[in-house]
Amino acid sequence: MSTTTYSVSGMTCGNCVAHVTEELKGLAGVSKVDVDLVSGGASSVHVTSEAELDRAQVAAAVAEAGYSLDFA
């Protein structure tokens, strides 16, 4: 198992968290998604999966939910 933390911008409420969680759980191998919501800032999204995920794939799922993955 691999857990990776991503920084996501644009989330402001529980519905935002639900949308991002749903999209990320739809990725192959993802077993768990936890979000530390920072309203109006960058939220930490912890994704547990069978293997390390492709960052572009994660970014696409987050974008599908209507938010953006911060690239550091």
N, C-alpha and C. Protein backbone atom coordinates (compact mmCIF):
# COMPACT_ATOMS: atom_id res chain seq x y z
N MET A 1 0.84 -1.19 0.00
CA MET A 1 0.00 0.00 0.00
C MET A 1 0.88 1.24 0.00
N SER A 2 0.36 2.27 -0.62
CA SER A 2 1.07 3.54 -0.72
C SER A 2 0.10 4.66 -0.36
N THR A 3 0.53 5.58 0.50
CA THR A 3 -0.28 6.75 0.83
C THR A 3 0.49 7.99 0.40
N THR A 4 -0.16 8.80 -0.42
CA THR A 4 0.45 10.02 -0.94
C THR A 4 -0.44 11.19 -0.59
N THR A 5 0.17 12.31 -0.22
CA THR A 5 -0.58 13.52 0.11
C THR A 5 -0.44 14.52 -1.03
N TYR A 6 -1.58 15.03 -1.47
CA TYR A 6 -1.64 16.03 -2.53
C TYR A 6 -2.23 17.32 -1.98
N SER A 7 -1.87 18.43 -2.57
CA SER A 7 -2.42 19.72 -2.21
C SER A 7 -3.43 20.12 -3.27
N VAL A 8 -4.66 20.42 -2.84
CA VAL A 8 -5.74 20.73 -3.77
C VAL A 8 -6.31 22.11 -3.42
N SER A 9 -6.43 22.95 -4.44
CA SER A 9 -6.97 24.30 -4.25
C SER A 9 -8.42 24.38 -4.69
N GLY A 10 -9.17 25.27 -4.05
CA GLY A 10 -10.52 25.58 -4.48
C GLY A 10 -11.64 24.97 -3.66
N MET A 11 -11.34 24.03 -2.79
CA MET A 11 -12.40 23.40 -1.99
C MET A 11 -12.78 24.33 -0.83
N THR A 12 -14.09 24.44 -0.57
CA THR A 12 -14.55 25.33 0.49
C THR A 12 -15.51 24.67 1.48
N CYS A 13 -16.01 23.46 1.16
CA CYS A 13 -17.04 22.87 2.03
C CYS A 13 -17.05 21.34 1.93
N GLY A 14 -17.94 20.75 2.67
CA GLY A 14 -18.09 19.30 2.68
C GLY A 14 -18.49 18.73 1.33
N ASN A 15 -19.29 19.46 0.57
CA ASN A 15 -19.67 18.99 -0.76
C ASN A 15 -18.45 18.92 -1.67
N CYS A 16 -17.57 19.89 -1.55
CA CYS A 16 -16.33 19.89 -2.33
C CYS A 16 -15.52 18.64 -2.00
N VAL A 17 -15.40 18.35 -0.71
CA VAL A 17 -14.66 17.17 -0.25
C VAL A 17 -15.29 15.91 -0.84
N ALA A 18 -16.61 15.83 -0.83
CA ALA A 18 -17.32 14.66 -1.34
C ALA A 18 -17.05 14.47 -2.83
N HIS A 19 -17.03 15.54 -3.61
CA HIS A 19 -16.81 15.45 -5.05
C HIS A 19 -15.39 14.96 -5.35
N VAL A 20 -14.40 15.54 -4.67
CA VAL A 20 -13.01 15.13 -4.88
C VAL A 20 -12.81 13.68 -4.44
N THR A 21 -13.37 13.33 -3.28
CA THR A 21 -13.26 11.96 -2.77
C THR A 21 -13.85 10.97 -3.76
N GLU A 22 -15.02 11.26 -4.28
CA GLU A 22 -15.68 10.36 -5.23
C GLU A 22 -14.84 10.15 -6.49
N GLU A 23 -14.30 11.23 -7.04
CA GLU A 23 -13.48 11.12 -8.25
C GLU A 23 -12.21 10.30 -7.98
N LEU A 24 -11.55 10.58 -6.86
CA LEU A 24 -10.30 9.87 -6.56
C LEU A 24 -10.54 8.40 -6.25
N LYS A 25 -11.65 8.09 -5.57
CA LYS A 25 -11.95 6.68 -5.29
C LYS A 25 -12.28 5.90 -6.57
N GLY A 26 -12.57 6.62 -7.63
CA GLY A 26 -12.85 5.99 -8.91
C GLY A 26 -11.59 5.55 -9.65
N LEU A 27 -10.43 5.99 -9.18
CA LEU A 27 -9.17 5.58 -9.81
C LEU A 27 -8.83 4.15 -9.41
N ALA A 28 -8.29 3.40 -10.34
CA ALA A 28 -7.93 2.01 -10.09
C ALA A 28 -6.93 1.89 -8.96
N GLY A 29 -7.23 1.02 -7.99
CA GLY A 29 -6.32 0.75 -6.89
C GLY A 29 -6.48 1.62 -5.67
N VAL A 30 -7.30 2.67 -5.75
CA VAL A 30 -7.48 3.55 -4.60
C VAL A 30 -8.42 2.90 -3.59
N SER A 31 -7.96 2.82 -2.34
CA SER A 31 -8.76 2.19 -1.29
C SER A 31 -9.28 3.19 -0.26
N LYS A 32 -8.62 4.34 -0.14
CA LYS A 32 -9.02 5.29 0.89
C LYS A 32 -8.62 6.71 0.48
N VAL A 33 -9.50 7.67 0.79
CA VAL A 33 -9.22 9.09 0.55
C VAL A 33 -9.63 9.85 1.80
N ASP A 34 -8.69 10.62 2.36
CA ASP A 34 -8.97 11.48 3.51
C ASP A 34 -8.61 12.90 3.12
N VAL A 35 -9.47 13.86 3.49
CA VAL A 35 -9.24 15.26 3.14
C VAL A 35 -9.18 16.10 4.40
N ASP A 36 -8.13 16.92 4.51
CA ASP A 36 -8.04 17.94 5.56
C ASP A 36 -8.42 19.25 4.90
N LEU A 37 -9.70 19.64 5.05
CA LEU A 37 -10.23 20.82 4.37
C LEU A 37 -9.69 22.11 4.96
N VAL A 38 -9.17 22.97 4.09
CA VAL A 38 -8.76 24.32 4.45
C VAL A 38 -9.56 25.24 3.54
N SER A 39 -10.68 25.75 4.05
CA SER A 39 -11.57 26.57 3.25
C SER A 39 -10.86 27.82 2.75
N GLY A 40 -10.86 27.99 1.43
CA GLY A 40 -10.22 29.15 0.83
C GLY A 40 -8.73 29.02 0.65
N GLY A 41 -8.17 27.88 1.03
CA GLY A 41 -6.73 27.65 0.90
C GLY A 41 -6.47 26.31 0.24
N ALA A 42 -5.26 25.83 0.39
CA ALA A 42 -4.90 24.53 -0.17
C ALA A 42 -5.20 23.44 0.86
N SER A 43 -6.03 22.51 0.47
CA SER A 43 -6.41 21.39 1.34
C SER A 43 -5.49 20.21 1.07
N SER A 44 -5.20 19.45 2.13
CA SER A 44 -4.38 18.25 1.98
C SER A 44 -5.30 17.06 1.72
N VAL A 45 -4.98 16.32 0.68
CA VAL A 45 -5.76 15.15 0.31
C VAL A 45 -4.83 13.94 0.38
N HIS A 46 -5.15 13.00 1.26
CA HIS A 46 -4.33 11.81 1.48
C HIS A 46 -4.99 10.64 0.75
N VAL A 47 -4.26 10.06 -0.20
CA VAL A 47 -4.80 8.99 -1.02
C VAL A 47 -4.01 7.71 -0.76
N THR A 48 -4.72 6.66 -0.33
CA THR A 48 -4.10 5.35 -0.12
C THR A 48 -4.48 4.46 -1.29
N SER A 49 -3.46 3.84 -1.89
CA SER A 49 -3.70 3.00 -3.06
C SER A 49 -2.76 1.80 -3.04
N GLU A 50 -3.07 0.83 -3.89
CA GLU A 50 -2.26 -0.39 -3.96
C GLU A 50 -0.83 -0.07 -4.39
N ALA A 51 -0.68 0.88 -5.30
CA ALA A 51 0.63 1.29 -5.80
C ALA A 51 0.61 2.80 -5.98
N GLU A 52 1.77 3.40 -6.14
CA GLU A 52 1.83 4.85 -6.34
C GLU A 52 1.07 5.22 -7.60
N LEU A 53 0.27 6.28 -7.51
CA LEU A 53 -0.54 6.72 -8.64
C LEU A 53 0.22 7.69 -9.52
N ASP A 54 -0.15 7.73 -10.79
CA ASP A 54 0.41 8.70 -11.72
C ASP A 54 -0.16 10.08 -11.37
N ARG A 55 0.71 11.05 -11.15
CA ARG A 55 0.28 12.39 -10.72
C ARG A 55 -0.67 13.03 -11.74
N ALA A 56 -0.45 12.80 -13.02
CA ALA A 56 -1.32 13.36 -14.05
C ALA A 56 -2.73 12.77 -13.94
N GLN A 57 -2.80 11.49 -13.59
CA GLN A 57 -4.09 10.82 -13.42
C GLN A 57 -4.84 11.41 -12.21
N VAL A 58 -4.12 11.67 -11.14
CA VAL A 58 -4.71 12.29 -9.95
C VAL A 58 -5.19 13.70 -10.29
N ALA A 59 -4.36 14.45 -10.99
CA ALA A 59 -4.71 15.82 -11.38
C ALA A 59 -5.97 15.84 -12.25
N ALA A 60 -6.09 14.88 -13.15
CA ALA A 60 -7.27 14.80 -14.02
C ALA A 60 -8.53 14.49 -13.21
N ALA A 61 -8.42 13.60 -12.23
CA ALA A 61 -9.58 13.27 -11.38
C ALA A 61 -10.00 14.47 -10.55
N VAL A 62 -9.03 15.19 -10.01
CA VAL A 62 -9.33 16.39 -9.21
C VAL A 62 -9.97 17.46 -10.11
N ALA A 63 -9.46 17.62 -11.32
CA ALA A 63 -10.02 18.59 -12.27
C ALA A 63 -11.45 18.21 -12.65
N GLU A 64 -11.71 16.91 -12.80
CA GLU A 64 -13.06 16.44 -13.13
C GLU A 64 -14.05 16.84 -12.04
N ALA A 65 -13.56 16.89 -10.79
CA ALA A 65 -14.41 17.30 -9.67
C ALA A 65 -14.56 18.82 -9.61
N GLY A 66 -13.75 19.54 -10.40
CA GLY A 66 -13.88 21.00 -10.46
C GLY A 66 -12.83 21.77 -9.67
N TYR A 67 -11.74 21.11 -9.31
CA TYR A 67 -10.71 21.74 -8.48
C TYR A 67 -9.34 21.54 -9.12
N SER A 68 -8.31 22.09 -8.51
CA SER A 68 -7.00 21.96 -9.13
C SER A 68 -5.97 21.42 -8.14
N LEU A 69 -5.13 20.55 -8.69
CA LEU A 69 -4.03 19.98 -7.92
C LEU A 69 -2.88 20.97 -7.97
N ASP A 70 -2.33 21.31 -6.82
CA ASP A 70 -1.21 22.23 -6.76
C ASP A 70 0.07 21.45 -7.05
N PHE A 71 0.82 21.93 -8.00
CA PHE A 71 2.11 21.29 -8.32
C PHE A 71 3.20 22.10 -7.68
N ALA A 72 3.97 21.44 -6.82
CA ALA A 72 5.05 22.15 -6.12
C ALA A 72 6.38 21.90 -6.79
